[in-house]
N, C-alpha and C. Protein backbone atom coordinates (compact mmCIF):
# COMPACT_ATOMS: atom_id res chain seq x y z
N MET A 1 112.12 84.49 94.84
CA MET A 1 111.97 85.46 94.73
C MET A 1 110.88 85.68 94.01
N LEU A 2 109.82 86.56 94.33
CA LEU A 2 108.59 87.34 93.27
C LEU A 2 109.11 87.77 92.04
N ILE A 3 110.41 88.39 91.45
CA ILE A 3 110.43 88.60 90.22
C ILE A 3 110.95 88.09 89.93
N LEU A 4 111.74 86.55 90.39
CA LEU A 4 112.10 85.59 89.49
C LEU A 4 111.03 84.66 89.04
N GLU A 5 110.05 84.68 90.17
CA GLU A 5 108.65 84.21 89.63
C GLU A 5 107.88 84.47 88.31
N LEU A 6 107.93 86.19 88.40
CA LEU A 6 107.50 86.92 87.03
C LEU A 6 108.28 86.52 86.47
N PHE A 7 109.36 86.20 85.66
CA PHE A 7 109.71 86.21 85.47
C PHE A 7 110.14 85.35 84.58
N LYS A 8 109.95 84.43 85.11
CA LYS A 8 109.75 83.01 84.58
C LYS A 8 108.29 83.10 83.69
N ILE A 9 107.62 83.53 84.74
CA ILE A 9 106.14 83.52 83.53
C ILE A 9 106.09 84.06 82.01
N LEU A 10 106.71 85.22 82.28
CA LEU A 10 106.77 85.91 81.36
C LEU A 10 107.56 85.37 79.82
N THR A 11 108.28 84.12 80.23
CA THR A 11 109.47 83.29 79.41
C THR A 11 108.43 82.50 79.17
N GLU A 12 108.02 82.20 80.08
CA GLU A 12 107.36 80.61 79.60
C GLU A 12 105.91 80.56 79.76
N LYS A 13 105.12 81.48 79.57
CA LYS A 13 103.42 81.58 79.09
C LYS A 13 103.17 82.58 78.48
N GLY A 14 103.55 83.77 78.38
CA GLY A 14 103.98 85.10 77.36
C GLY A 14 103.08 86.03 78.28
N PHE A 15 103.37 87.12 77.40
CA PHE A 15 102.99 88.82 78.35
C PHE A 15 101.47 88.78 78.69
N ILE A 16 100.84 88.29 77.86
CA ILE A 16 99.19 87.99 78.52
C ILE A 16 99.25 87.85 80.18
N GLU A 17 99.87 86.44 80.44
CA GLU A 17 99.94 85.85 81.78
C GLU A 17 100.53 86.53 82.00
N PHE A 18 102.17 86.71 81.88
CA PHE A 18 102.71 87.78 82.72
C PHE A 18 101.77 89.16 83.66
N LEU A 19 101.20 89.52 82.63
CA LEU A 19 100.37 90.66 83.04
C LEU A 19 98.98 90.43 84.17
N THR A 20 98.24 89.66 84.04
CA THR A 20 97.41 89.01 84.67
C THR A 20 98.11 88.79 86.14
N VAL A 21 98.76 88.02 86.16
CA VAL A 21 99.13 87.83 87.66
C VAL A 21 99.84 88.93 88.22
N PHE A 22 100.68 89.68 87.51
CA PHE A 22 101.37 90.79 87.72
C PHE A 22 100.02 91.56 88.62
N ALA A 23 98.88 91.67 87.61
CA ALA A 23 98.20 92.89 88.05
C ALA A 23 96.73 91.99 89.07
N THR A 24 97.16 91.14 89.24
CA THR A 24 96.23 90.01 90.26
C THR A 24 97.13 90.14 91.89
N ILE A 25 98.85 90.65 91.62
CA ILE A 25 99.33 90.40 92.84
C ILE A 25 99.09 91.90 93.43
N SER A 26 99.57 92.78 92.25
CA SER A 26 99.78 94.54 92.79
C SER A 26 98.74 95.26 93.41
N ILE A 27 97.82 94.83 92.43
CA ILE A 27 96.66 95.67 92.45
C ILE A 27 96.15 95.42 95.00
N PRO A 28 95.79 94.22 94.60
CA PRO A 28 95.68 94.01 96.04
C PRO A 28 97.05 94.55 97.06
N LEU A 29 98.16 94.68 96.63
CA LEU A 29 99.25 95.27 97.50
C LEU A 29 99.28 96.57 97.49
N VAL A 30 99.21 97.29 96.13
CA VAL A 30 98.78 98.50 96.43
C VAL A 30 97.58 99.35 97.43
N ILE A 31 96.59 98.69 97.41
CA ILE A 31 95.49 99.54 97.87
C ILE A 31 95.55 99.06 99.31
N SER A 32 96.13 97.72 99.89
CA SER A 32 96.82 97.42 101.06
C SER A 32 97.64 98.39 101.45
N ILE A 33 98.64 98.72 101.04
CA ILE A 33 99.68 99.39 101.49
C ILE A 33 99.53 101.00 101.18
N VAL A 34 98.45 101.49 100.41
CA VAL A 34 98.09 102.59 100.19
C VAL A 34 96.98 103.37 101.64
N ILE A 35 96.15 102.22 102.30
CA ILE A 35 95.13 102.55 102.81
C ILE A 35 96.10 102.72 103.95
N HIS A 36 96.96 101.64 104.20
CA HIS A 36 97.59 101.64 105.31
C HIS A 36 98.02 102.50 106.19
N GLU A 37 98.68 103.72 104.80
CA GLU A 37 99.71 104.75 105.42
C GLU A 37 98.86 105.84 105.12
N TRP A 38 97.64 105.37 104.49
CA TRP A 38 96.81 107.12 104.74
C TRP A 38 96.62 106.80 106.36
N ALA A 39 95.88 105.84 107.07
CA ALA A 39 95.57 105.23 107.84
C ALA A 39 96.63 105.95 108.91
N HIS A 40 97.38 105.75 109.22
CA HIS A 40 98.50 106.55 109.97
C HIS A 40 98.41 108.03 110.16
N GLY A 41 98.37 108.50 108.85
CA GLY A 41 98.18 110.30 108.75
C GLY A 41 96.76 110.42 109.06
N TYR A 42 95.87 109.93 109.04
CA TYR A 42 94.21 110.40 109.25
C TYR A 42 94.51 110.39 110.60
N ALA A 43 94.83 109.34 111.45
CA ALA A 43 94.66 109.68 112.87
C ALA A 43 95.32 110.04 113.05
N ALA A 44 96.82 110.81 112.87
CA ALA A 44 97.49 112.10 113.71
C ALA A 44 97.14 113.02 113.37
N TYR A 45 96.68 113.55 112.29
CA TYR A 45 95.92 114.26 111.80
C TYR A 45 94.38 114.71 113.06
N LYS A 46 93.91 113.75 113.51
CA LYS A 46 92.60 113.48 114.47
C LYS A 46 92.63 113.86 115.34
N PHE A 47 94.53 113.44 115.49
CA PHE A 47 94.36 113.56 117.16
C PHE A 47 95.84 114.71 117.06
N GLY A 48 95.66 115.95 116.67
CA GLY A 48 95.86 117.45 115.97
C GLY A 48 97.26 117.56 115.31
N ASP A 49 97.74 116.48 114.55
CA ASP A 49 99.14 117.07 114.03
C ASP A 49 98.82 117.62 112.43
N ASN A 50 99.12 118.58 112.26
CA ASN A 50 98.43 118.87 110.52
C ASN A 50 99.45 118.42 109.99
N THR A 51 100.31 118.01 110.14
CA THR A 51 101.49 117.23 109.60
C THR A 51 101.42 116.37 108.15
N PRO A 52 100.51 115.52 108.66
CA PRO A 52 100.30 114.64 106.95
C PRO A 52 99.32 115.45 106.33
N LYS A 53 98.71 116.31 106.66
CA LYS A 53 97.91 117.14 105.44
C LYS A 53 98.81 117.91 104.66
N LYS A 54 99.60 118.71 105.22
CA LYS A 54 100.77 119.77 105.27
C LYS A 54 101.46 119.14 103.53
N GLN A 55 101.61 117.45 103.91
CA GLN A 55 102.75 117.04 102.76
C GLN A 55 101.84 116.38 102.38
N GLY A 56 100.39 116.13 102.20
CA GLY A 56 99.30 115.66 101.08
C GLY A 56 99.32 114.25 101.41
N ARG A 57 99.31 113.85 102.31
CA ARG A 57 99.31 112.63 102.82
C ARG A 57 97.95 111.87 102.72
N LEU A 58 97.20 112.79 103.35
CA LEU A 58 95.52 112.51 103.71
C LEU A 58 94.78 111.94 102.00
N THR A 59 95.52 111.32 101.39
CA THR A 59 94.82 110.95 100.07
C THR A 59 94.85 109.46 99.79
N LEU A 60 94.10 108.77 99.08
CA LEU A 60 94.94 107.10 98.85
C LEU A 60 94.86 107.31 97.65
N ASN A 61 95.94 108.80 96.88
CA ASN A 61 96.45 108.36 95.63
C ASN A 61 97.90 107.43 95.55
N PRO A 62 97.88 106.00 94.83
CA PRO A 62 98.65 105.85 95.11
C PRO A 62 100.93 106.36 95.16
N LEU A 63 100.81 107.19 94.24
CA LEU A 63 101.67 107.92 93.93
C LEU A 63 102.44 108.51 95.10
N VAL A 64 101.52 109.04 95.71
CA VAL A 64 102.18 109.55 96.92
C VAL A 64 102.41 109.03 98.44
N HIS A 65 101.88 107.94 98.52
CA HIS A 65 102.41 106.88 99.30
C HIS A 65 103.62 105.67 98.83
N LEU A 66 103.60 105.42 97.50
CA LEU A 66 104.58 104.41 97.57
C LEU A 66 105.83 104.74 97.14
N ASP A 67 107.24 103.74 97.47
CA ASP A 67 108.39 104.31 97.38
C ASP A 67 109.24 103.41 96.32
N ILE A 68 109.72 103.67 95.45
CA ILE A 68 110.29 103.08 94.08
C ILE A 68 111.12 102.09 94.77
N ALA A 69 111.88 102.51 95.61
CA ALA A 69 112.48 101.73 96.44
C ALA A 69 111.99 100.52 96.39
N GLY A 70 111.44 101.06 97.36
CA GLY A 70 110.52 100.44 98.83
C GLY A 70 109.77 98.95 97.47
N THR A 71 109.46 99.50 96.62
CA THR A 71 108.50 98.61 95.99
C THR A 71 109.38 97.47 95.28
N LEU A 72 110.15 97.80 94.44
CA LEU A 72 111.56 97.32 93.85
C LEU A 72 111.64 96.15 95.30
N MET A 73 112.33 96.52 96.28
CA MET A 73 112.63 95.39 97.36
C MET A 73 111.76 94.41 97.81
N LEU A 74 110.43 94.67 97.65
CA LEU A 74 109.31 93.79 97.53
C LEU A 74 108.86 92.51 97.17
N PHE A 75 109.38 93.11 95.19
CA PHE A 75 109.47 91.87 94.63
C PHE A 75 110.90 90.76 94.70
N ILE A 76 111.99 91.77 94.71
CA ILE A 76 113.02 90.90 94.88
C ILE A 76 113.27 90.23 96.35
N VAL A 77 113.38 91.22 97.36
CA VAL A 77 114.05 90.10 98.37
C VAL A 77 112.67 89.45 99.25
N GLY A 78 111.71 90.59 99.07
CA GLY A 78 109.90 90.44 99.59
C GLY A 78 109.54 90.81 100.88
N ILE A 79 110.20 92.13 101.67
CA ILE A 79 110.33 92.98 102.20
C ILE A 79 110.34 93.86 101.60
N GLY A 80 109.16 95.02 101.84
CA GLY A 80 109.03 96.49 100.86
C GLY A 80 109.36 97.19 101.89
N TRP A 81 108.61 98.81 101.24
CA TRP A 81 108.11 99.33 102.35
C TRP A 81 107.99 100.69 101.45
N ALA A 82 106.51 101.21 102.28
CA ALA A 82 105.96 103.09 101.41
C ALA A 82 106.96 103.92 102.31
N LYS A 83 106.58 105.03 101.10
CA LYS A 83 106.72 106.71 102.11
C LYS A 83 106.65 106.80 103.18
N PRO A 84 106.99 106.75 104.63
CA PRO A 84 106.73 106.88 105.71
C PRO A 84 106.12 107.92 105.79
N VAL A 85 104.87 108.43 106.88
CA VAL A 85 104.34 109.10 106.78
C VAL A 85 104.25 110.01 107.81
N MET A 86 104.92 111.34 107.68
CA MET A 86 106.00 112.37 108.76
C MET A 86 104.96 112.90 109.62
N ILE A 87 105.05 112.24 111.10
CA ILE A 87 104.52 112.98 111.89
C ILE A 87 105.20 113.70 112.97
N ASN A 88 104.42 114.95 113.23
CA ASN A 88 105.13 115.72 114.36
C ASN A 88 104.85 115.26 115.68
N PRO A 89 105.57 114.80 117.05
CA PRO A 89 104.83 114.03 118.30
C PRO A 89 104.53 115.26 119.19
N GLU A 90 105.16 116.43 118.79
CA GLU A 90 104.71 117.73 119.64
C GLU A 90 103.48 117.48 119.34
N ASN A 91 103.22 117.69 118.95
CA ASN A 91 101.62 118.15 118.37
C ASN A 91 100.68 117.15 119.01
N ILE A 92 101.13 116.28 119.26
CA ILE A 92 100.63 114.80 119.80
C ILE A 92 101.18 114.54 120.69
N PRO A 93 100.52 115.41 122.32
CA PRO A 93 101.16 115.08 123.13
C PRO A 93 101.04 113.82 124.13
N SER A 94 100.28 112.92 123.98
CA SER A 94 99.84 112.24 124.75
C SER A 94 100.57 110.70 123.90
N ARG A 95 100.96 110.17 124.46
CA ARG A 95 102.20 108.84 124.37
C ARG A 95 101.06 107.68 123.79
N TYR A 96 99.73 107.80 124.18
CA TYR A 96 98.57 106.43 124.43
C TYR A 96 98.07 107.01 122.75
N LYS A 97 98.02 108.33 122.61
CA LYS A 97 97.46 108.36 120.92
C LYS A 97 98.57 108.27 120.44
N MET A 98 99.79 108.43 120.42
CA MET A 98 101.12 108.18 119.50
C MET A 98 101.08 106.66 119.00
N ALA A 99 100.84 105.64 119.59
CA ALA A 99 100.59 104.82 120.05
C ALA A 99 99.51 104.06 118.99
N LEU A 100 98.87 104.93 119.56
CA LEU A 100 97.18 104.45 118.48
C LEU A 100 97.60 104.86 117.45
N VAL A 101 98.01 106.19 116.89
CA VAL A 101 98.77 106.48 115.17
C VAL A 101 99.75 105.30 114.61
N GLY A 102 100.48 104.81 115.77
CA GLY A 102 101.14 103.40 114.87
C GLY A 102 99.99 102.30 114.65
N LEU A 103 99.07 102.34 116.24
CA LEU A 103 98.03 101.18 115.48
C LEU A 103 97.12 101.51 114.45
N ALA A 104 96.93 102.32 113.62
CA ALA A 104 96.10 102.56 112.95
C ALA A 104 96.60 101.94 111.97
N GLY A 105 97.33 101.98 111.64
CA GLY A 105 97.96 101.58 110.10
C GLY A 105 97.00 99.84 109.88
N PRO A 106 98.02 98.82 110.99
CA PRO A 106 97.95 97.45 110.96
C PRO A 106 96.16 97.44 111.20
N LEU A 107 95.23 98.48 112.15
CA LEU A 107 93.78 97.97 111.94
C LEU A 107 93.03 98.41 110.58
N SER A 108 93.74 99.25 109.93
CA SER A 108 92.69 99.73 108.28
C SER A 108 92.94 98.11 108.19
N ASN A 109 94.49 97.58 107.91
CA ASN A 109 94.09 96.32 107.21
C ASN A 109 93.35 95.40 107.52
N PHE A 110 93.67 94.92 108.95
CA PHE A 110 92.04 93.62 109.48
C PHE A 110 90.59 94.60 109.42
N LEU A 111 90.20 95.63 109.44
CA LEU A 111 89.39 95.86 108.99
C LEU A 111 88.73 96.22 107.31
N MET A 112 89.88 95.62 106.53
CA MET A 112 89.81 95.87 105.51
C MET A 112 89.36 94.47 105.13
N ALA A 113 90.36 93.34 105.70
CA ALA A 113 90.40 91.91 105.38
C ALA A 113 89.01 91.51 106.04
N VAL A 114 88.70 92.47 106.95
CA VAL A 114 86.81 91.62 107.28
C VAL A 114 85.93 92.37 106.14
N PHE A 115 86.42 93.44 105.93
CA PHE A 115 85.44 93.77 104.45
C PHE A 115 85.18 93.18 103.38
N PHE A 116 86.66 92.47 102.70
CA PHE A 116 86.69 91.75 101.96
C PHE A 116 86.08 90.45 101.70
N THR A 117 86.42 89.91 102.79
CA THR A 117 85.69 88.55 102.80
C THR A 117 84.22 88.58 103.31
N VAL A 118 83.83 90.15 103.35
CA VAL A 118 82.60 89.60 103.38
C VAL A 118 81.93 89.47 101.80
N ILE A 119 82.69 90.38 101.00
CA ILE A 119 82.32 90.37 99.64
C ILE A 119 82.71 89.03 99.19
N PHE A 120 83.93 88.27 99.80
CA PHE A 120 84.21 86.78 99.42
C PHE A 120 83.29 86.01 99.77
N TYR A 121 82.37 85.96 100.96
CA TYR A 121 81.60 85.12 101.76
C TYR A 121 80.19 85.21 100.60
N PHE A 122 79.99 86.08 100.26
CA PHE A 122 78.74 86.17 98.97
C PHE A 122 78.99 86.20 97.92
N THR A 123 80.39 86.36 97.26
CA THR A 123 80.44 86.09 95.95
C THR A 123 81.13 84.67 95.27
N VAL A 124 81.61 84.35 96.10
CA VAL A 124 82.73 82.80 96.05
C VAL A 124 81.61 81.62 96.95
N LEU A 125 82.10 82.09 98.21
CA LEU A 125 81.44 80.85 99.03
C LEU A 125 80.12 80.44 98.84
N GLY A 126 79.45 81.64 98.55
CA GLY A 126 77.94 81.86 98.86
C GLY A 126 77.37 80.99 97.30
N SER A 127 78.37 80.98 96.22
CA SER A 127 77.95 80.50 95.30
C SER A 127 78.19 79.25 95.14
N ASN A 128 78.68 78.41 96.27
CA ASN A 128 79.35 76.91 96.22
C ASN A 128 80.49 76.61 95.69
N ALA A 129 81.89 77.61 95.55
CA ALA A 129 82.79 77.50 94.68
C ALA A 129 83.39 76.28 95.12
N VAL A 130 84.28 75.59 94.00
CA VAL A 130 84.64 74.47 94.37
C VAL A 130 86.15 74.65 94.80
N GLY A 131 86.56 75.70 95.08
CA GLY A 131 87.97 75.53 95.55
C GLY A 131 88.75 76.35 95.26
N ILE A 132 89.88 76.91 95.80
CA ILE A 132 90.55 78.34 95.37
C ILE A 132 91.12 78.11 93.92
N SER A 133 91.52 77.08 93.65
CA SER A 133 92.60 76.96 92.23
C SER A 133 91.06 77.10 91.43
N ASN A 134 90.22 77.57 91.67
CA ASN A 134 89.23 77.15 91.06
C ASN A 134 88.71 78.55 90.24
N LEU A 135 88.94 79.97 91.30
CA LEU A 135 88.54 81.04 90.96
C LEU A 135 89.23 81.75 90.20
N SER A 136 87.81 82.55 89.24
CA SER A 136 88.60 83.67 88.39
C SER A 136 89.40 84.77 88.71
N MET A 137 89.58 85.03 88.10
CA MET A 137 90.81 86.16 88.14
C MET A 137 90.07 86.99 89.65
N TYR A 138 88.91 88.09 89.49
CA TYR A 138 88.48 88.55 90.23
C TYR A 138 88.67 87.90 91.30
N GLU A 139 87.72 86.58 91.27
CA GLU A 139 87.96 86.30 92.65
C GLU A 139 89.51 85.73 93.40
N GLN A 140 89.99 85.56 92.36
CA GLN A 140 91.50 85.44 93.30
C GLN A 140 91.88 86.98 93.47
N MET A 141 92.37 88.07 93.06
CA MET A 141 91.67 88.79 93.63
C MET A 141 91.53 89.53 94.41
N LEU A 142 90.24 89.31 94.95
CA LEU A 142 89.86 89.34 96.10
C LEU A 142 90.27 88.37 97.33
N PHE A 143 90.51 86.82 97.17
CA PHE A 143 91.11 86.06 97.85
C PHE A 143 92.43 86.76 98.61
N LEU A 144 93.23 87.09 97.70
CA LEU A 144 94.75 87.90 97.63
C LEU A 144 94.29 89.07 98.62
N ILE A 145 94.15 89.96 98.02
CA ILE A 145 93.87 91.55 98.75
C ILE A 145 93.05 91.13 100.60
N ILE A 146 92.18 89.89 101.03
CA ILE A 146 92.24 89.40 102.33
C ILE A 146 93.31 89.05 102.65
N ARG A 147 94.26 88.30 101.92
CA ARG A 147 95.32 87.53 102.82
C ARG A 147 96.51 88.71 102.89
N VAL A 148 96.75 89.52 101.90
CA VAL A 148 97.71 90.67 102.08
C VAL A 148 97.33 91.39 102.93
N ASN A 149 96.02 91.90 103.54
CA ASN A 149 96.06 92.86 104.59
C ASN A 149 96.05 91.62 105.84
N ILE A 150 95.82 90.75 105.81
CA ILE A 150 95.96 90.13 107.35
C ILE A 150 97.70 89.89 107.35
N LEU A 151 97.94 89.86 106.05
CA LEU A 151 99.33 89.47 106.34
C LEU A 151 100.27 90.31 106.95
N LEU A 152 99.62 91.46 106.31
CA LEU A 152 100.32 92.94 106.31
C LEU A 152 100.08 93.63 107.95
N GLY A 153 98.74 93.37 108.35
CA GLY A 153 98.17 93.70 109.84
C GLY A 153 99.62 93.20 110.73
N ILE A 154 99.29 91.85 110.96
CA ILE A 154 99.89 90.50 111.70
C ILE A 154 101.73 91.45 111.33
N PHE A 155 102.04 91.34 110.17
CA PHE A 155 103.23 91.50 109.94
C PHE A 155 103.69 92.65 110.37
N ASN A 156 103.31 93.82 110.60
CA ASN A 156 103.24 94.91 111.30
C ASN A 156 103.23 95.55 112.71
N LEU A 157 103.00 94.15 113.35
CA LEU A 157 102.75 94.85 114.69
C LEU A 157 103.63 94.10 115.66
N ILE A 158 104.53 93.11 114.79
CA ILE A 158 106.31 92.63 115.52
C ILE A 158 106.70 93.85 115.62
N PRO A 159 107.06 93.76 116.93
CA PRO A 159 107.08 95.14 117.74
C PRO A 159 108.97 95.13 117.42
N ILE A 160 108.93 95.02 116.05
CA ILE A 160 110.84 95.55 115.59
C ILE A 160 110.67 96.38 114.75
N PRO A 161 111.47 97.35 115.25
CA PRO A 161 111.67 98.98 114.49
C PRO A 161 112.00 98.37 112.76
N PRO A 162 111.19 99.13 112.08
CA PRO A 162 110.86 100.38 112.33
C PRO A 162 109.23 99.55 111.85
N LEU A 163 109.27 99.04 112.31
CA LEU A 163 107.81 98.16 112.14
C LEU A 163 106.60 98.95 113.10
N ASP A 164 105.46 98.31 112.66
CA ASP A 164 104.10 99.57 113.74
C ASP A 164 104.41 99.44 114.99
N GLY A 165 104.33 97.69 115.30
CA GLY A 165 104.87 97.59 116.59
C GLY A 165 105.52 98.14 117.61
N ALA A 166 106.66 98.36 117.03
CA ALA A 166 108.17 99.09 117.98
C ALA A 166 107.45 100.07 118.20
N ASN A 167 106.86 101.00 117.41
CA ASN A 167 106.36 102.30 117.07
C ASN A 167 105.36 102.20 118.60
N ILE A 168 104.13 100.92 118.34
CA ILE A 168 103.19 101.47 119.80
C ILE A 168 103.92 100.89 121.00
N ILE A 169 104.69 99.15 120.68
CA ILE A 169 105.55 99.50 122.39
C ILE A 169 105.97 100.66 123.38
N ARG A 170 106.68 100.76 122.04
CA ARG A 170 107.95 102.42 121.90
C ARG A 170 106.59 103.41 123.29
N ASN A 171 105.98 103.65 122.69
CA ASN A 171 104.86 104.61 123.11
C ASN A 171 104.18 104.01 124.57
N LEU A 172 104.17 102.80 124.85
CA LEU A 172 103.41 102.25 125.98
C LEU A 172 104.12 102.25 127.22
N LEU A 173 105.52 102.28 126.79
CA LEU A 173 106.26 101.57 127.66
C LEU A 173 107.25 102.72 128.47
N PRO A 174 107.40 102.82 129.58
CA PRO A 174 108.09 104.02 129.90
C PRO A 174 109.50 104.61 129.45
N GLU A 175 109.54 105.81 129.03
CA GLU A 175 110.39 106.06 128.08
C GLU A 175 111.51 105.84 128.07
N LYS A 176 112.39 105.50 129.94
CA LYS A 176 113.97 105.14 129.38
C LYS A 176 114.00 103.69 128.92
N ILE A 177 112.66 102.85 129.43
CA ILE A 177 112.58 101.44 128.56
C ILE A 177 112.64 101.63 127.41
N ALA A 178 112.04 102.80 126.56
CA ALA A 178 111.55 102.85 125.47
C ALA A 178 113.06 103.22 124.92
N GLU A 179 113.70 104.19 125.37
CA GLU A 179 114.58 104.17 124.96
C GLU A 179 115.85 103.43 124.65
N GLY A 180 115.97 102.42 125.48
CA GLY A 180 117.04 101.27 125.50
C GLY A 180 116.19 100.40 124.36
N TYR A 181 115.23 99.95 124.43
CA TYR A 181 114.63 99.15 123.30
C TYR A 181 115.00 99.01 122.77
N PHE A 182 114.42 100.79 121.56
CA PHE A 182 114.23 101.09 120.18
C PHE A 182 116.22 101.55 119.99
N LYS A 183 117.33 100.89 120.73
CA LYS A 183 118.67 100.70 120.70
C LYS A 183 119.08 99.67 119.63
N ILE A 184 118.14 98.52 119.43
CA ILE A 184 118.10 97.36 118.39
C ILE A 184 117.37 98.19 117.08
N ALA A 185 117.23 99.31 116.83
CA ALA A 185 116.49 100.37 115.23
C ALA A 185 117.56 100.14 114.30
N PRO A 186 118.64 100.18 114.80
CA PRO A 186 119.68 100.19 113.32
C PRO A 186 119.78 98.69 112.71
N TYR A 187 119.65 97.83 113.66
CA TYR A 187 120.06 96.24 112.62
C TYR A 187 118.20 95.98 112.67
N GLY A 188 117.29 96.90 112.46
CA GLY A 188 115.91 95.82 112.33
C GLY A 188 115.50 95.87 110.97
N LEU A 189 115.81 95.98 110.35
CA LEU A 189 115.82 95.67 108.67
C LEU A 189 116.71 94.47 108.48
N LEU A 190 117.79 94.04 109.23
CA LEU A 190 118.50 92.72 108.97
C LEU A 190 117.72 91.82 110.06
N ILE A 191 117.58 92.02 110.76
CA ILE A 191 116.42 90.90 111.72
C ILE A 191 115.23 90.63 110.87
N LEU A 192 114.69 91.42 110.01
CA LEU A 192 113.51 90.76 109.50
C LEU A 192 113.62 90.08 108.25
N VAL A 193 115.35 90.38 107.52
CA VAL A 193 115.56 89.96 106.67
C VAL A 193 115.83 88.34 106.58
N ILE A 194 116.61 88.20 108.01
CA ILE A 194 116.65 87.18 108.57
C ILE A 194 115.28 86.17 108.95
N MET A 195 114.95 86.92 109.38
CA MET A 195 113.32 86.25 109.82
C MET A 195 112.48 85.58 108.42
N LEU A 196 112.71 86.62 107.71
CA LEU A 196 112.15 85.92 105.90
C LEU A 196 112.86 85.20 105.67
N TYR A 197 113.91 84.65 105.33
CA TYR A 197 114.86 82.79 105.17
C TYR A 197 114.89 82.20 106.61
N THR A 198 114.26 82.25 107.48
CA THR A 198 114.16 81.34 108.68
C THR A 198 112.97 80.76 108.45
N THR A 199 112.15 80.57 109.89
CA THR A 199 111.16 80.27 109.80
C THR A 199 110.02 80.92 110.29
N GLY A 200 110.91 82.24 110.56
CA GLY A 200 109.77 83.22 111.64
C GLY A 200 108.73 84.04 110.36
N PHE A 201 108.83 83.89 109.22
CA PHE A 201 107.71 84.29 108.32
C PHE A 201 107.03 82.96 107.84
N GLY A 202 107.67 81.61 107.90
CA GLY A 202 106.53 81.07 107.80
C GLY A 202 105.50 80.65 109.17
N PHE A 203 105.89 80.87 110.41
CA PHE A 203 104.46 80.71 110.89
C PHE A 203 103.94 82.19 111.28
N ILE A 204 104.03 83.49 110.64
CA ILE A 204 103.03 84.16 110.18
C ILE A 204 102.40 83.70 109.22
N TYR A 205 102.87 82.98 108.47
CA TYR A 205 101.69 82.17 107.22
C TYR A 205 100.90 81.43 107.80
N LYS A 206 101.51 80.98 108.70
CA LYS A 206 100.31 80.29 109.75
C LYS A 206 98.80 80.99 110.20
N ILE A 207 100.00 82.10 111.30
CA ILE A 207 98.82 82.41 112.02
C ILE A 207 97.82 83.31 110.77
N THR A 208 98.68 84.22 109.71
CA THR A 208 97.69 84.48 108.58
C THR A 208 95.86 83.10 108.04
N ASN A 209 96.85 82.29 107.97
CA ASN A 209 95.67 81.23 107.87
C ASN A 209 94.41 81.20 109.00
N ILE A 210 95.05 81.12 109.96
CA ILE A 210 94.36 80.89 111.30
C ILE A 210 92.97 81.64 111.28
N VAL A 211 93.97 83.02 110.91
CA VAL A 211 93.02 84.37 111.32
C VAL A 211 91.64 84.56 110.18
N PHE A 212 92.56 84.22 108.32
CA PHE A 212 91.42 84.55 107.35
C PHE A 212 90.00 83.43 107.78
N TYR A 213 90.28 81.97 108.74
CA TYR A 213 89.22 81.09 109.06
C TYR A 213 88.26 81.54 110.13
N ILE A 214 88.79 82.36 111.05
CA ILE A 214 88.17 82.92 112.01
C ILE A 214 86.93 83.87 111.38
N ILE A 215 88.20 84.71 110.48
CA ILE A 215 86.88 85.50 109.88
C ILE A 215 85.56 85.02 109.03
N ILE A 216 85.98 84.05 108.71
CA ILE A 216 84.85 82.75 107.85
C ILE A 216 84.04 82.94 108.63
N PHE A 217 84.79 82.22 109.56
CA PHE A 217 83.70 81.70 110.69
C PHE A 217 82.49 82.62 111.49
N LEU A 218 83.12 83.52 111.62
CA LEU A 218 82.38 84.39 112.76
C LEU A 218 81.12 84.91 111.52
N ILE A 219 82.33 85.08 110.61
CA ILE A 219 80.80 85.74 108.83
C ILE A 219 79.74 84.82 108.57
N ASP A 220 79.93 83.40 108.86
CA ASP A 220 79.06 82.75 108.28
C ASP A 220 77.99 82.22 109.72
N LEU A 221 79.10 82.85 110.96
CA LEU A 221 78.03 82.33 112.42
C LEU A 221 77.38 83.69 112.38
N VAL A 222 77.43 84.68 111.53
CA VAL A 222 76.47 86.20 111.83
C VAL A 222 75.50 85.39 110.65
N VAL A 223 76.42 85.53 109.38
CA VAL A 223 75.36 86.21 108.30
C VAL A 223 74.68 84.78 108.15
N GLY A 224 74.83 83.45 107.47
CA GLY A 224 74.76 82.05 107.48
C GLY A 224 73.40 82.08 107.76
N PRO A 225 72.52 82.30 109.24
CA PRO A 225 71.81 82.06 109.22
C PRO A 225 70.14 82.82 109.01
N LEU A 226 71.09 83.87 108.02
CA LEU A 226 70.21 84.99 107.73
C LEU A 226 69.62 84.59 106.71
N ILE A 227 70.60 83.82 105.94
CA ILE A 227 70.65 83.09 104.02
C ILE A 227 70.06 82.38 103.76
N SER A 228 70.01 81.31 104.98
CA SER A 228 69.86 79.69 105.08
C SER A 228 68.40 79.64 104.50
């Protein structure tokens, strides 16, 4: 549990070290979660639903998006949540567009991962850094925000309610099949917790590593010859 690790740092290494580690972890998480939720609201708004705007969700203010209980659960059990962006499907008559609203959150995470990887490439790899363990706090935070965004993007595409992947699939399947599929919704959180404490999340972490190195490879392929 992350909260136990933080408590261990606080008791063994002191408040300054605790604050440094907490900030290094929390800032990337907050940025990633807030933009993820904003992307859902913005996509719904652009497709004709004014509900997110009326509720003040078209903002990057963390206080508007973060859920206290969901944030605490993230540190306690490793699975958390933000305040869901309320969307009125009646204002978005196309199920295809509803699927795109669901996709907007994970897509924003992947785009952020690419953006920050470009920065990481020039500031860290470009300066011949000799390993992740030797990164400064800024560089560690940069590395974490990349990893967190890739992880969030992949995780949210899992087709289990209430994750975005389930909402995407729901709006691509025929309605009757989608209704049957969503009967697993009451058990969704339980399934995710079981995944967390079995091999499911280990597999996701492996995919995260692969995606990270693919992004690095593609950036190097494009940018490398220009700076060599």
